[in-house]
Amino acid sequence: MTGRISREFIDELLVRVDIVDLIDSRVPLKKTGTNYVARCPFHSEKTPSFAVNRNKQFFHCFGCGASGNAIGFLMDFGHLDFVEAVEDLAAFAGVSVQRETLGGEEKSSKKDLKNLYLLLDQVAEFYVEELRQNTAAINYLKSRQVKGEVARDFMLGYAPDKWHGLASKFDQALLIEVGMLVVKDDGKVYDRFRNRIMYPIRDKRSRIVGFGGRVLDDSLPKYLNSPETPLFHKGKEVYGLYELLAKNPKPQRILLVEGYMDVIALAQYGINYSVAALGTAASQFHLDLLFRFTSELVFCFDGDKAGREAAWKVMDSAFLSLKDGRSCRIMLLPHHHDPDSLVRAEGVEGFSERMQNAQALSDYFFEQLSDGLNLNEMESRAKLIAKAKPYIEKLQESTFKEMMLARLNDLSGMKVVSVMERNQVIQNLKVQRLGSQDLNRLSSARVALALLLQKPELAQLVERKEIDWDGLEFRGIDLFRNILKLILDKKVLNSAVLLEYYRGAPEEKVVKALAVLDLYVAEDKVDEVFYDALNGLLKQAREASILRLQSKAQDQGLDDKEQALLVAMLLGK
């Protein structure tokens, strides 16, 4: 669907959805005073420091500093981009996303992306047609026993052995932008993919975002991927996910393999739940993406040294993604086998049995760490703890984490959790010291800004004072006036809506910090404290402006406007 998401729709959505209900559906919350608390889902901790405020419609972790509104939570929790988060929030609220017709540059930019997607669709069709006409490419796929229906489902094609196969048929500027042409130093261009079987890479919305290409022989590089482009980011895509979801939107498990042909070969045998990372190690983003559709991931690696190293590399990402309800297994293949050859040798039943009996990630983890250690020796047990702790600390607070700690305790003969608890106590003490702000020590500007952000309806008090801002100067005046104008012009109803206007802005960090600043003001005293802070702020600003103008009058002299302003200020007007 084209068109930018309506700003009015985003505002209404943030008002409609209660952030407590949203977060509680993903991270169970417990009411404590005016806040709802939980162990933070974004870092490891033993005691809750993650707070959600219903009045402000805002979350904040006093441990790691994560904060934001409902959209920000979904982006962080599910590793979503902004549009996906808004769509998920709309689904939670049970409403359809409203979009608007764009104008000017933004409309042009959106149209350009649409043209890029359209171009890649056309290129894929071109490759499909070329495959039908190339005997060598057809024979290669036959030698790999690729069926016609599988080739169709995955939209396999062939890039002709020509330097200008695409350049002569499509817009060169657009081809360069999507990475299909290589530009030489002298400005000449040529096709990036030549004489290769082509694998279109589709995102979960079915749009082609890039290509992978494999040679027909043993020449190098065997595989070649599209470069990073406005459409393609290999760290955010996996090959075969769209095709998998088309067959089964909620698979029992997803098998993560190493290459395109592994996915294709398994699909030949009806194993339609495999995907492949795109020439990079599986990242936390990849795993969280896959966990959106299943509760179990199986990592399939060759049984050689490179495969074992790849299996260990995935630990970093897996430990960041694992929590209760999610599981991972490690499936190391027999030597000299890949998924293609193994499923041919053992059949679907044999392959599936191996997969179901694959080693649990926890067992594999401790087995690898214990390898070569004599756990009867104190020194070896200390080494085991030192190796395991950095990984276990990455786990979200969960029963699984407690069980991993218990396993480490058993192997090491020491209560390792006590060390981690001590570190958490120290962190919590730091947080408490940082959080106990003395209202009297904060500047009037900071108090007024924080309260205005936390309770936008206070803008009415400012409006009623009919302040003449000319000549007034204080630190933060531009931000104060900008926030005030936003609230009054857009009729902002709560902090969540207000903060959304600063997403990606230079002031975002400051605004977030002020929005979560706890001033320890009773609810029935907020208006009074704000009014006092505002008056104090205006008095300080007026005094500073008078001193500035008097100093200038002595040094340089004042123009007529400045003289009138100084007189008005001295008279208290």
Protein backbone atom coordinates (compact mmCIF):
# COMPACT_ATOMS: atom_id res chain seq x y z
CA MET A 1 0.00 0.00 0.00
CA THR A 2 1.37 3.43 -0.94
CA GLY A 3 1.17 6.67 1.00
CA ARG A 4 2.64 7.87 4.26
CA ILE A 5 0.89 6.88 7.47
CA SER A 6 -1.28 9.79 8.55
CA ARG A 7 0.14 11.82 11.44
CA GLU A 8 -3.39 12.29 12.78
CA PHE A 9 -3.85 8.52 12.72
CA ILE A 10 -0.62 7.99 14.72
CA ASP A 11 -1.76 10.57 17.30
CA GLU A 12 -5.19 8.94 17.62
CA LEU A 13 -3.63 5.47 17.84
CA LEU A 14 -1.36 6.49 20.72
CA VAL A 15 -4.38 7.92 22.55
CA ARG A 16 -6.50 4.84 21.83
CA VAL A 17 -3.99 2.23 23.06
CA ASP A 18 -3.15 1.95 26.76
CA ILE A 19 0.60 1.27 26.95
CA VAL A 20 0.11 -0.77 30.14
CA ASP A 21 -2.20 -3.21 28.34
CA LEU A 22 0.16 -3.40 25.37
CA ILE A 23 3.33 -4.12 27.35
CA ASP A 24 1.54 -6.43 29.80
CA SER A 25 0.55 -8.62 26.84
CA ARG A 26 4.25 -9.19 26.16
CA VAL A 27 5.98 -8.59 29.51
CA PRO A 28 3.83 -9.35 32.59
CA LEU A 29 3.57 -6.22 34.73
CA LYS A 30 2.94 -5.75 38.46
CA LYS A 31 1.36 -2.60 39.88
CA THR A 32 3.56 -0.69 42.33
CA GLY A 33 2.31 2.74 43.37
CA THR A 34 1.56 4.83 40.29
CA ASN A 35 3.72 2.63 38.05
CA TYR A 36 3.61 -0.88 36.69
CA VAL A 37 6.94 -2.68 36.94
CA ALA A 38 8.72 -5.73 35.56
CA ARG A 39 12.18 -7.05 34.91
CA CYS A 40 13.47 -5.20 31.89
CA PRO A 41 13.08 -7.11 28.60
CA PHE A 42 16.05 -5.24 27.12
CA HIS A 43 18.81 -6.21 29.57
CA SER A 44 19.55 -8.80 32.23
CA GLU A 45 18.55 -7.97 35.79
CA LYS A 46 17.47 -9.74 38.95
CA THR A 47 15.17 -7.08 40.41
CA PRO A 48 12.64 -5.00 38.44
CA SER A 49 13.79 -1.60 37.20
CA PHE A 50 11.46 -1.40 34.18
CA ALA A 51 8.53 0.94 34.86
CA VAL A 52 5.43 1.77 32.83
CA ASN A 53 3.37 4.86 33.66
CA ARG A 54 -0.27 4.87 32.64
CA ASN A 55 -0.70 8.63 33.07
CA LYS A 56 2.29 9.49 30.90
CA GLN A 57 1.77 6.51 28.54
CA PHE A 58 5.52 5.99 28.71
CA PHE A 59 7.98 3.26 29.73
CA HIS A 60 11.43 3.69 31.21
CA CYS A 61 14.10 1.34 32.52
CA PHE A 62 16.18 2.83 35.32
CA GLY A 63 18.81 0.16 34.69
CA CYS A 64 19.65 0.36 30.99
CA GLY A 65 17.93 3.66 30.15
CA ALA A 66 15.53 2.28 27.52
CA SER A 67 12.44 4.49 27.25
CA GLY A 68 9.68 5.53 24.91
CA ASN A 69 5.99 5.31 24.04
CA ALA A 70 3.99 2.35 22.73
CA ILE A 71 5.50 2.61 19.24
CA GLY A 72 9.02 2.80 20.65
CA PHE A 73 8.39 -0.28 22.80
CA LEU A 74 7.24 -2.35 19.83
CA MET A 75 10.24 -1.20 17.77
CA ASP A 76 12.68 -2.19 20.53
CA PHE A 77 10.91 -5.35 21.71
CA GLY A 78 10.18 -6.84 18.29
CA HIS A 79 13.11 -5.28 16.36
CA LEU A 80 10.61 -3.65 14.02
CA ASP A 81 10.99 -0.60 11.87
CA PHE A 82 8.67 2.35 12.46
CA VAL A 83 6.04 1.35 9.90
CA GLU A 84 5.92 -2.26 11.14
CA ALA A 85 5.54 -1.05 14.73
CA VAL A 86 2.64 1.25 13.80
CA GLU A 87 1.00 -1.60 11.88
CA ASP A 88 1.41 -3.96 14.87
CA LEU A 89 0.02 -1.32 17.23
CA ALA A 90 -2.96 -0.76 14.93
CA ALA A 91 -3.57 -4.52 14.86
CA PHE A 92 -3.45 -4.57 18.68
CA ALA A 93 -6.04 -1.77 18.73
CA GLY A 94 -8.15 -3.53 16.11
CA VAL A 95 -8.06 -0.72 13.56
CA SER A 96 -6.76 -0.34 10.01
CA VAL A 97 -3.76 1.85 9.25
CA GLN A 98 -4.77 5.13 7.64
CA ARG A 99 -2.46 6.60 5.02
CA GLU A 100 -2.41 9.91 3.24
CA THR A 101 -1.40 11.09 -0.20
CA LEU A 102 2.09 12.51 -0.02
CA GLY A 103 3.17 15.74 -1.55
CA GLY A 104 6.41 17.26 -2.75
CA GLU A 105 9.69 15.51 -2.09
CA GLU A 106 8.30 12.78 0.15
CA LYS A 107 5.85 11.76 -2.54
CA SER A 108 8.69 11.64 -5.04
CA SER A 109 10.81 9.54 -2.66
CA LYS A 110 7.97 7.06 -2.11
CA LYS A 111 7.37 6.90 -5.84
CA ASP A 112 11.07 6.21 -6.41
CA LEU A 113 10.96 3.23 -4.03
CA LYS A 114 7.86 1.96 -5.78
CA ASN A 115 9.71 2.21 -9.09
CA LEU A 116 12.66 0.26 -7.63
CA TYR A 117 10.40 -2.56 -6.45
CA LEU A 118 8.71 -2.61 -9.86
CA LEU A 119 12.09 -2.75 -11.60
CA LEU A 120 13.25 -5.74 -9.57
CA ASP A 121 9.99 -7.54 -10.37
CA GLN A 122 10.67 -6.95 -14.06
CA VAL A 123 14.28 -8.08 -13.73
CA ALA A 124 13.14 -11.29 -12.00
CA GLU A 125 10.69 -11.97 -14.86
CA PHE A 126 13.50 -11.33 -17.34
CA TYR A 127 15.69 -13.91 -15.56
CA VAL A 128 12.83 -16.44 -15.51
CA GLU A 129 12.40 -16.04 -19.26
CA GLU A 130 16.15 -16.39 -19.83
CA LEU A 131 16.14 -19.65 -17.84
CA ARG A 132 13.49 -21.13 -20.11
CA GLN A 133 15.79 -20.49 -23.09
CA ASN A 134 19.12 -21.63 -21.68
CA THR A 135 19.85 -25.35 -21.93
CA ALA A 136 22.95 -25.27 -19.69
CA ALA A 137 21.05 -23.59 -16.85
CA ILE A 138 18.13 -26.00 -17.20
CA ASN A 139 20.49 -28.98 -17.17
CA TYR A 140 22.21 -27.65 -14.04
CA LEU A 141 18.88 -27.45 -12.18
CA LYS A 142 17.96 -30.92 -13.45
CA SER A 143 21.27 -32.24 -12.14
CA ARG A 144 20.26 -30.86 -8.73
CA GLN A 145 16.85 -32.51 -9.26
CA VAL A 146 15.01 -29.21 -8.93
CA LYS A 147 11.37 -29.69 -9.90
CA GLY A 148 9.52 -27.23 -12.08
CA GLU A 149 7.03 -26.36 -9.34
CA VAL A 150 9.82 -25.58 -6.88
CA ALA A 151 11.59 -23.42 -9.48
CA ARG A 152 8.27 -21.61 -9.97
CA ASP A 153 7.58 -21.16 -6.25
CA PHE A 154 11.03 -19.66 -5.69
CA MET A 155 10.95 -17.79 -9.02
CA LEU A 156 14.35 -19.16 -10.09
CA GLY A 157 15.93 -17.59 -13.15
CA TYR A 158 19.15 -17.29 -15.12
CA ALA A 159 21.39 -14.27 -15.73
CA PRO A 160 22.72 -14.57 -19.30
CA ASP A 161 26.46 -14.60 -19.93
CA LYS A 162 26.40 -11.05 -21.24
CA TRP A 163 28.01 -7.86 -19.97
CA HIS A 164 24.96 -5.73 -20.81
CA GLY A 165 22.03 -8.14 -20.58
CA LEU A 166 20.11 -5.84 -18.21
CA ALA A 167 21.68 -2.52 -19.14
CA SER A 168 20.29 -2.77 -22.65
CA LYS A 169 16.72 -3.41 -21.46
CA PHE A 170 16.08 -1.34 -18.32
CA ASP A 171 16.76 2.11 -16.93
CA GLN A 172 20.48 2.21 -16.10
CA ALA A 173 20.20 4.74 -13.27
CA LEU A 174 17.61 2.61 -11.49
CA LEU A 175 19.62 -0.57 -12.12
CA ILE A 176 22.63 1.06 -10.47
CA GLU A 177 20.52 2.16 -7.49
CA VAL A 178 19.34 -1.42 -6.83
CA GLY A 179 22.83 -2.85 -7.28
CA MET A 180 22.21 -4.76 -10.50
CA LEU A 181 24.93 -2.89 -12.40
CA VAL A 182 28.56 -2.31 -11.48
CA VAL A 183 30.00 1.13 -12.25
CA LYS A 184 33.67 1.21 -13.26
CA ASP A 185 36.05 4.06 -12.43
CA ASP A 186 35.71 5.38 -15.99
CA GLY A 187 31.91 5.55 -15.63
CA LYS A 188 31.16 2.49 -17.79
CA VAL A 189 28.69 -0.05 -16.44
CA TYR A 190 28.18 -3.80 -16.73
CA ASP A 191 25.83 -6.45 -15.30
CA ARG A 192 26.77 -7.58 -11.78
CA PHE A 193 25.30 -11.07 -12.36
CA ARG A 194 26.38 -13.07 -15.42
CA ASN A 195 26.00 -16.76 -16.25
CA ARG A 196 24.43 -17.56 -12.90
CA ILE A 197 21.31 -19.24 -11.56
CA MET A 198 19.36 -16.38 -9.98
CA TYR A 199 17.51 -16.55 -6.67
CA PRO A 200 15.19 -13.59 -6.01
CA ILE A 201 15.23 -12.53 -2.36
CA ARG A 202 11.75 -11.58 -1.20
CA ASP A 203 10.85 -9.85 2.04
CA LYS A 204 7.98 -11.12 4.18
CA ARG A 205 5.63 -8.85 2.23
CA SER A 206 6.55 -10.71 -0.99
CA ARG A 207 8.48 -7.77 -2.49
CA ILE A 208 11.72 -8.60 -4.28
CA VAL A 209 14.50 -6.66 -2.55
CA GLY A 210 17.60 -8.24 -4.07
CA PHE A 211 19.14 -11.32 -5.70
CA GLY A 212 21.56 -14.10 -5.05
CA GLY A 213 23.39 -15.76 -7.93
CA ARG A 214 25.20 -19.14 -8.16
CA VAL A 215 27.66 -20.16 -10.87
CA LEU A 216 26.93 -23.24 -12.97
CA ASP A 217 30.40 -24.68 -12.40
CA ASP A 218 33.09 -24.50 -9.72
CA SER A 219 34.35 -21.00 -10.56
CA LEU A 220 34.60 -18.35 -7.85
CA PRO A 221 32.88 -16.67 -6.24
CA LYS A 222 30.39 -19.53 -6.09
CA TYR A 223 27.68 -17.29 -4.64
CA LEU A 224 27.19 -13.59 -5.20
CA ASN A 225 24.61 -11.40 -3.45
CA SER A 226 23.17 -8.00 -4.20
CA PRO A 227 25.01 -5.21 -2.38
CA GLU A 228 23.34 -3.04 0.27
CA THR A 229 20.75 -0.81 -1.44
CA PRO A 230 17.75 1.32 -0.42
CA LEU A 231 15.70 -1.91 -0.64
CA PHE A 232 18.14 -4.61 0.46
CA HIS A 233 19.84 -4.97 3.85
CA LYS A 234 21.20 -8.48 4.27
CA GLY A 235 21.26 -8.09 8.04
CA LYS A 236 17.46 -7.78 8.01
CA GLU A 237 16.43 -10.44 5.52
CA VAL A 238 16.53 -14.22 5.32
CA TYR A 239 16.15 -16.21 2.13
CA GLY A 240 13.01 -18.32 1.83
CA LEU A 241 10.93 -16.70 4.60
CA TYR A 242 8.23 -15.47 2.25
CA GLU A 243 8.00 -18.86 0.55
CA LEU A 244 7.89 -20.60 3.94
CA LEU A 245 5.06 -18.42 5.23
CA ALA A 246 3.14 -18.87 1.98
CA LYS A 247 3.08 -22.62 2.69
CA ASN A 248 2.57 -22.41 6.47
CA PRO A 249 2.05 -19.07 8.29
CA LYS A 250 2.66 -20.71 11.70
CA PRO A 251 5.32 -23.41 11.35
CA GLN A 252 6.08 -25.65 14.33
CA ARG A 253 9.78 -24.93 13.81
CA ILE A 254 12.06 -23.13 11.38
CA LEU A 255 15.29 -24.68 10.16
CA LEU A 256 18.11 -22.20 9.52
CA VAL A 257 20.53 -23.51 6.89
CA GLU A 258 23.57 -22.01 5.21
CA GLY A 259 22.71 -21.53 1.52
CA TYR A 260 20.07 -20.94 -1.13
CA MET A 261 20.38 -24.43 -2.60
CA ASP A 262 19.92 -25.98 0.84
CA VAL A 263 16.54 -24.26 1.07
CA ILE A 264 15.63 -25.29 -2.47
CA ALA A 265 16.80 -28.90 -2.00
CA LEU A 266 14.81 -29.37 1.20
CA ALA A 267 11.73 -27.87 -0.43
CA GLN A 268 12.09 -30.58 -3.10
CA TYR A 269 11.31 -33.13 -0.41
CA GLY A 270 8.45 -31.22 1.17
CA ILE A 271 10.55 -29.73 3.96
CA ASN A 272 9.12 -26.25 3.48
CA TYR A 273 10.24 -24.66 6.73
CA SER A 274 13.88 -23.81 6.06
CA VAL A 275 15.47 -20.40 5.50
CA ALA A 276 19.04 -19.19 4.96
CA ALA A 277 20.98 -16.17 6.19
CA LEU A 278 22.34 -14.11 3.31
CA GLY A 279 26.09 -14.62 3.43
CA THR A 280 26.31 -13.45 7.04
CA ALA A 281 26.07 -14.98 10.49
CA ALA A 282 22.57 -15.13 11.93
CA SER A 283 22.05 -11.96 13.97
CA GLN A 284 19.72 -11.23 16.86
CA PHE A 285 17.56 -9.33 14.37
CA HIS A 286 17.31 -12.47 12.20
CA LEU A 287 16.39 -14.67 15.16
CA ASP A 288 13.82 -12.26 16.60
CA LEU A 289 12.29 -11.99 13.14
CA LEU A 290 11.97 -15.78 12.89
CA PHE A 291 10.68 -16.10 16.45
CA ARG A 292 7.75 -13.94 15.43
CA PHE A 293 6.47 -16.93 13.47
CA THR A 294 7.59 -19.96 15.49
CA SER A 295 8.77 -20.94 18.97
CA GLU A 296 11.60 -23.27 17.88
CA LEU A 297 14.65 -22.64 15.70
CA VAL A 298 17.02 -25.37 14.54
CA PHE A 299 20.46 -24.25 13.36
CA CYS A 300 21.82 -26.62 10.72
CA PHE A 301 25.58 -26.58 10.10
CA ASP A 302 28.11 -28.77 8.33
CA GLY A 303 29.94 -31.07 10.73
CA ASP A 304 33.41 -29.83 9.74
CA LYS A 305 35.53 -27.29 11.63
CA ALA A 306 33.97 -24.33 9.81
CA GLY A 307 30.50 -25.62 10.67
CA ARG A 308 31.34 -26.01 14.36
CA GLU A 309 32.78 -22.49 14.42
CA ALA A 310 29.62 -21.17 12.77
CA ALA A 311 27.51 -23.01 15.37
CA TRP A 312 29.39 -21.31 18.18
CA LYS A 313 29.10 -17.87 16.56
CA VAL A 314 25.32 -18.11 16.66
CA MET A 315 25.46 -18.33 20.48
CA ASP A 316 25.81 -14.55 20.84
CA SER A 317 22.61 -13.90 18.91
CA ALA A 318 20.71 -16.84 20.42
CA PHE A 319 21.37 -15.83 24.02
CA LEU A 320 20.06 -12.33 23.29
CA SER A 321 16.87 -13.74 21.77
CA LEU A 322 16.07 -16.68 24.05
CA LYS A 323 13.41 -16.43 26.74
CA ASP A 324 10.62 -18.60 28.12
CA GLY A 325 8.58 -20.12 25.30
CA ARG A 326 11.45 -20.05 22.82
CA SER A 327 13.95 -22.81 22.11
CA CYS A 328 16.94 -23.44 19.85
CA ARG A 329 18.67 -26.63 18.74
CA ILE A 330 22.02 -27.27 17.08
CA MET A 331 22.05 -29.79 14.23
CA LEU A 332 25.56 -30.70 13.05
CA LEU A 333 25.56 -32.78 9.88
CA PRO A 334 27.76 -35.83 9.30
CA HIS A 335 31.09 -35.13 7.59
CA HIS A 336 30.96 -34.61 3.81
CA HIS A 337 27.21 -33.95 3.90
CA ASP A 338 25.11 -30.86 3.39
CA PRO A 339 21.30 -30.76 3.80
CA ASP A 340 20.87 -31.57 0.10
CA SER A 341 23.03 -34.71 0.14
CA LEU A 342 21.82 -35.86 3.56
CA VAL A 343 18.12 -35.74 2.72
CA ARG A 344 18.87 -37.69 -0.45
CA ALA A 345 20.89 -40.28 1.47
CA GLU A 346 18.58 -40.73 4.47
CA GLY A 347 15.23 -39.60 3.10
CA VAL A 348 12.77 -37.20 4.66
CA GLU A 349 12.07 -39.42 7.67
CA GLY A 350 15.75 -39.87 8.48
CA PHE A 351 16.46 -36.16 8.06
CA SER A 352 13.43 -35.17 10.16
CA GLU A 353 14.43 -37.60 12.89
CA ARG A 354 17.92 -36.10 13.03
CA MET A 355 16.40 -32.65 13.26
CA GLN A 356 13.97 -33.58 16.05
CA ASN A 357 16.82 -35.19 17.99
CA ALA A 358 19.17 -32.27 17.42
CA GLN A 359 21.04 -31.16 20.53
CA ALA A 360 19.37 -28.53 22.68
CA LEU A 361 21.33 -25.30 22.61
CA SER A 362 21.84 -25.46 26.40
CA ASP A 363 23.40 -28.93 26.18
CA TYR A 364 25.58 -27.92 23.25
CA PHE A 365 26.65 -24.76 25.07
CA PHE A 366 27.85 -26.50 28.22
CA GLU A 367 29.35 -29.40 26.26
CA GLN A 368 31.50 -27.04 24.21
CA LEU A 369 32.56 -24.95 27.20
CA SER A 370 33.47 -28.04 29.22
CA ASP A 371 35.48 -29.60 26.42
CA GLY A 372 39.11 -29.97 27.53
CA LEU A 373 38.38 -28.92 31.13
CA ASN A 374 38.87 -31.20 34.12
CA LEU A 375 35.95 -30.16 36.29
CA ASN A 376 37.45 -32.01 39.25
CA GLU A 377 39.96 -29.17 39.43
CA MET A 378 39.13 -25.80 40.96
CA GLU A 379 41.00 -23.93 38.21
CA SER A 380 38.97 -25.59 35.45
CA ARG A 381 35.69 -24.87 37.22
CA ALA A 382 36.73 -21.22 37.51
CA LYS A 383 37.47 -21.17 33.76
CA LEU A 384 34.04 -22.63 33.05
CA ILE A 385 32.35 -19.88 35.08
CA ALA A 386 34.41 -17.17 33.38
CA LYS A 387 33.46 -18.51 29.93
CA ALA A 388 29.77 -19.06 30.66
CA LYS A 389 28.88 -15.90 32.61
CA PRO A 390 29.06 -13.40 29.72
CA TYR A 391 26.58 -15.47 27.75
CA ILE A 392 24.16 -16.21 30.59
CA GLU A 393 24.11 -12.53 31.58
CA LYS A 394 22.70 -11.77 28.13
CA LEU A 395 19.61 -13.88 28.76
CA GLN A 396 16.40 -12.10 29.61
CA GLU A 397 15.07 -12.76 33.10
CA SER A 398 13.16 -16.01 32.78
CA THR A 399 12.83 -19.54 34.07
CA PHE A 400 15.23 -20.60 31.34
CA LYS A 401 17.89 -18.24 32.67
CA GLU A 402 17.43 -19.60 36.19
CA MET A 403 17.81 -23.15 34.87
CA MET A 404 20.98 -22.23 32.98
CA LEU A 405 22.41 -20.74 36.17
CA ALA A 406 21.43 -23.87 38.11
CA ARG A 407 23.23 -26.01 35.51
CA LEU A 408 26.34 -23.85 35.81
CA ASN A 409 26.12 -24.09 39.58
CA ASP A 410 26.00 -27.89 39.37
CA LEU A 411 28.98 -28.11 37.01
CA SER A 412 31.11 -25.60 38.91
CA GLY A 413 30.08 -26.50 42.44
CA MET A 414 29.59 -22.79 43.20
CA LYS A 415 26.56 -20.56 43.53
CA VAL A 416 27.40 -18.39 40.53
CA VAL A 417 24.14 -16.48 40.78
CA SER A 418 25.37 -14.78 43.96
CA VAL A 419 28.05 -12.96 41.97
CA MET A 420 25.49 -11.72 39.48
CA GLU A 421 23.11 -10.69 42.25
CA ARG A 422 25.86 -8.62 43.88
CA ASN A 423 26.52 -6.82 40.59
CA GLN A 424 22.81 -6.10 40.24
CA VAL A 425 22.60 -4.66 43.77
CA ILE A 426 25.46 -2.28 42.95
CA GLN A 427 23.70 -1.22 39.74
CA ASN A 428 20.42 -0.66 41.58
CA LEU A 429 22.15 1.55 44.18
CA LYS A 430 23.56 3.68 41.35
CA VAL A 431 20.10 3.95 39.83
CA GLN A 432 18.56 4.98 43.14
CA ARG A 433 21.17 7.73 43.60
CA LEU A 434 20.57 9.00 40.09
CA GLY A 435 16.81 8.90 40.54
CA SER A 436 16.59 10.77 43.83
CA GLN A 437 16.52 14.28 42.34
CA ASP A 438 16.20 17.24 44.74
CA LEU A 439 13.54 19.56 43.29
CA ASN A 440 15.20 22.60 44.86
CA ARG A 441 18.46 21.92 43.03
CA LEU A 442 16.87 21.75 39.58
CA SER A 443 16.60 24.88 37.45
CA SER A 444 13.19 26.44 36.91
CA ALA A 445 13.57 25.79 33.19
CA ARG A 446 14.21 22.09 33.70
CA VAL A 447 11.28 21.69 36.10
CA ALA A 448 8.91 23.60 33.81
CA LEU A 449 10.02 21.67 30.71
CA ALA A 450 9.77 18.29 32.44
CA LEU A 451 6.29 18.97 33.82
CA LEU A 452 5.08 20.35 30.48
CA LEU A 453 6.24 17.20 28.73
CA GLN A 454 4.75 14.93 31.36
CA LYS A 455 1.44 16.80 31.54
CA PRO A 456 0.76 18.61 28.21
CA GLU A 457 -2.48 20.19 29.51
CA LEU A 458 -0.28 22.56 31.56
CA ALA A 459 0.18 24.48 28.30
CA GLN A 460 -3.20 26.10 29.06
CA LEU A 461 -1.66 27.79 32.10
CA VAL A 462 1.08 29.26 29.91
CA GLU A 463 -1.42 30.38 27.28
CA ARG A 464 -3.54 32.18 29.90
CA LYS A 465 -0.52 34.21 31.08
CA GLU A 466 -0.23 35.80 27.59
CA ILE A 467 3.56 35.94 27.80
CA ASP A 468 5.47 38.40 25.62
CA TRP A 469 8.42 36.27 24.58
CA ASP A 470 10.29 39.11 22.81
CA GLY A 471 13.66 39.69 24.41
CA LEU A 472 13.33 36.86 26.93
CA GLU A 473 16.34 34.58 27.12
CA PHE A 474 16.96 31.44 29.12
CA ARG A 475 18.60 28.10 28.49
CA GLY A 476 16.09 25.91 26.68
CA ILE A 477 13.75 28.71 25.57
CA ASP A 478 13.63 27.47 21.97
CA LEU A 479 12.71 23.93 23.08
CA PHE A 480 10.14 25.26 25.59
CA ARG A 481 8.42 27.40 22.95
CA ASN A 482 8.58 24.58 20.40
CA ILE A 483 6.93 22.12 22.80
CA LEU A 484 4.35 24.70 23.80
CA LYS A 485 3.47 25.47 20.17
CA LEU A 486 3.18 21.74 19.36
CA ILE A 487 0.78 21.14 22.24
CA LEU A 488 -1.43 24.11 21.40
CA ASP A 489 -1.39 23.73 17.60
CA LYS A 490 -1.80 19.93 17.51
CA LYS A 491 -4.00 19.75 20.63
CA VAL A 492 -1.70 17.07 22.04
CA LEU A 493 -3.46 15.00 24.68
CA ASN A 494 -0.65 13.03 26.33
CA SER A 495 3.11 12.60 26.61
CA ALA A 496 3.20 9.61 24.25
CA VAL A 497 1.78 11.67 21.40
CA LEU A 498 4.03 14.63 22.19
CA LEU A 499 7.19 12.50 22.22
CA GLU A 500 6.34 10.95 18.86
CA TYR A 501 6.81 14.37 17.24
CA TYR A 502 10.44 14.33 18.35
CA ARG A 503 11.31 10.85 17.02
CA GLY A 504 14.57 11.19 15.10
CA ALA A 505 14.87 14.91 15.93
CA PRO A 506 18.06 16.42 17.43
CA GLU A 507 16.10 17.16 20.62
CA GLU A 508 14.83 13.58 21.04
CA LYS A 509 17.40 12.56 23.66
CA VAL A 510 16.80 15.65 25.81
CA VAL A 511 13.03 15.36 25.50
CA LYS A 512 13.08 11.70 26.55
CA ALA A 513 15.29 12.45 29.54
CA LEU A 514 12.96 15.19 30.73
CA ALA A 515 9.87 13.06 30.12
CA VAL A 516 11.12 10.39 32.56
CA LEU A 517 12.60 12.81 35.12
CA ASP A 518 10.85 12.03 38.41
CA LEU A 519 10.30 15.29 40.28
CA TYR A 520 8.48 13.58 43.16
CA VAL A 521 5.58 16.02 42.99
CA ALA A 522 2.19 14.91 44.31
CA GLU A 523 -0.47 14.78 41.60
CA ASP A 524 -2.57 17.50 43.27
CA LYS A 525 0.47 19.80 43.47
CA VAL A 526 1.66 19.55 39.85
CA ASP A 527 -0.17 22.67 38.63
CA GLU A 528 1.12 24.71 41.57
CA VAL A 529 4.74 23.55 41.15
CA PHE A 530 4.61 24.19 37.41
CA TYR A 531 3.14 27.67 37.91
CA ASP A 532 5.85 28.54 40.44
CA ALA A 533 8.58 27.19 38.16
CA LEU A 534 7.20 29.11 35.19
CA ASN A 535 7.04 32.37 37.17
CA GLY A 536 10.56 31.80 38.47
CA LEU A 537 11.75 31.06 34.97
CA LEU A 538 10.16 34.19 33.51
CA LYS A 539 11.56 36.32 36.35
CA GLN A 540 15.09 34.94 35.78
CA ALA A 541 14.75 35.42 32.01
CA ARG A 542 13.52 39.01 32.44
CA GLU A 543 16.36 39.88 34.84
CA ALA A 544 18.94 38.32 32.53
CA SER A 545 17.52 40.20 29.55
CA ILE A 546 17.57 43.52 31.45
CA LEU A 547 21.23 43.02 32.41
CA ARG A 548 22.08 42.13 28.81
CA LEU A 549 20.35 45.19 27.39
CA GLN A 550 21.84 47.54 30.02
CA SER A 551 25.31 46.19 29.29
CA LYS A 552 24.78 46.67 25.57
CA ALA A 553 23.48 50.20 26.13
CA GLN A 554 26.74 51.13 27.85
CA ASP A 555 29.02 49.42 25.31
CA GLN A 556 27.30 49.87 21.95
CA GLY A 557 24.03 51.66 22.43
CA LEU A 558 20.52 50.35 21.71
CA ASP A 559 18.31 50.79 18.70
CA ASP A 560 14.76 52.10 19.11
CA LYS A 561 13.20 48.63 19.45
CA GLU A 562 15.72 47.57 22.11
CA GLN A 563 15.23 50.80 24.05
CA ALA A 564 11.47 50.29 24.09
CA LEU A 565 11.93 46.68 25.20
CA LEU A 566 14.26 47.68 28.04
CA VAL A 567 11.86 50.37 29.27
CA ALA A 568 8.94 47.91 29.19
CA MET A 569 10.92 45.34 31.16
CA LEU A 570 12.04 47.86 33.76
CA LEU A 571 8.43 48.93 34.21
CA GLY A 572 7.41 45.28 34.57
CA LYS A 573 5.24 45.28 31.47
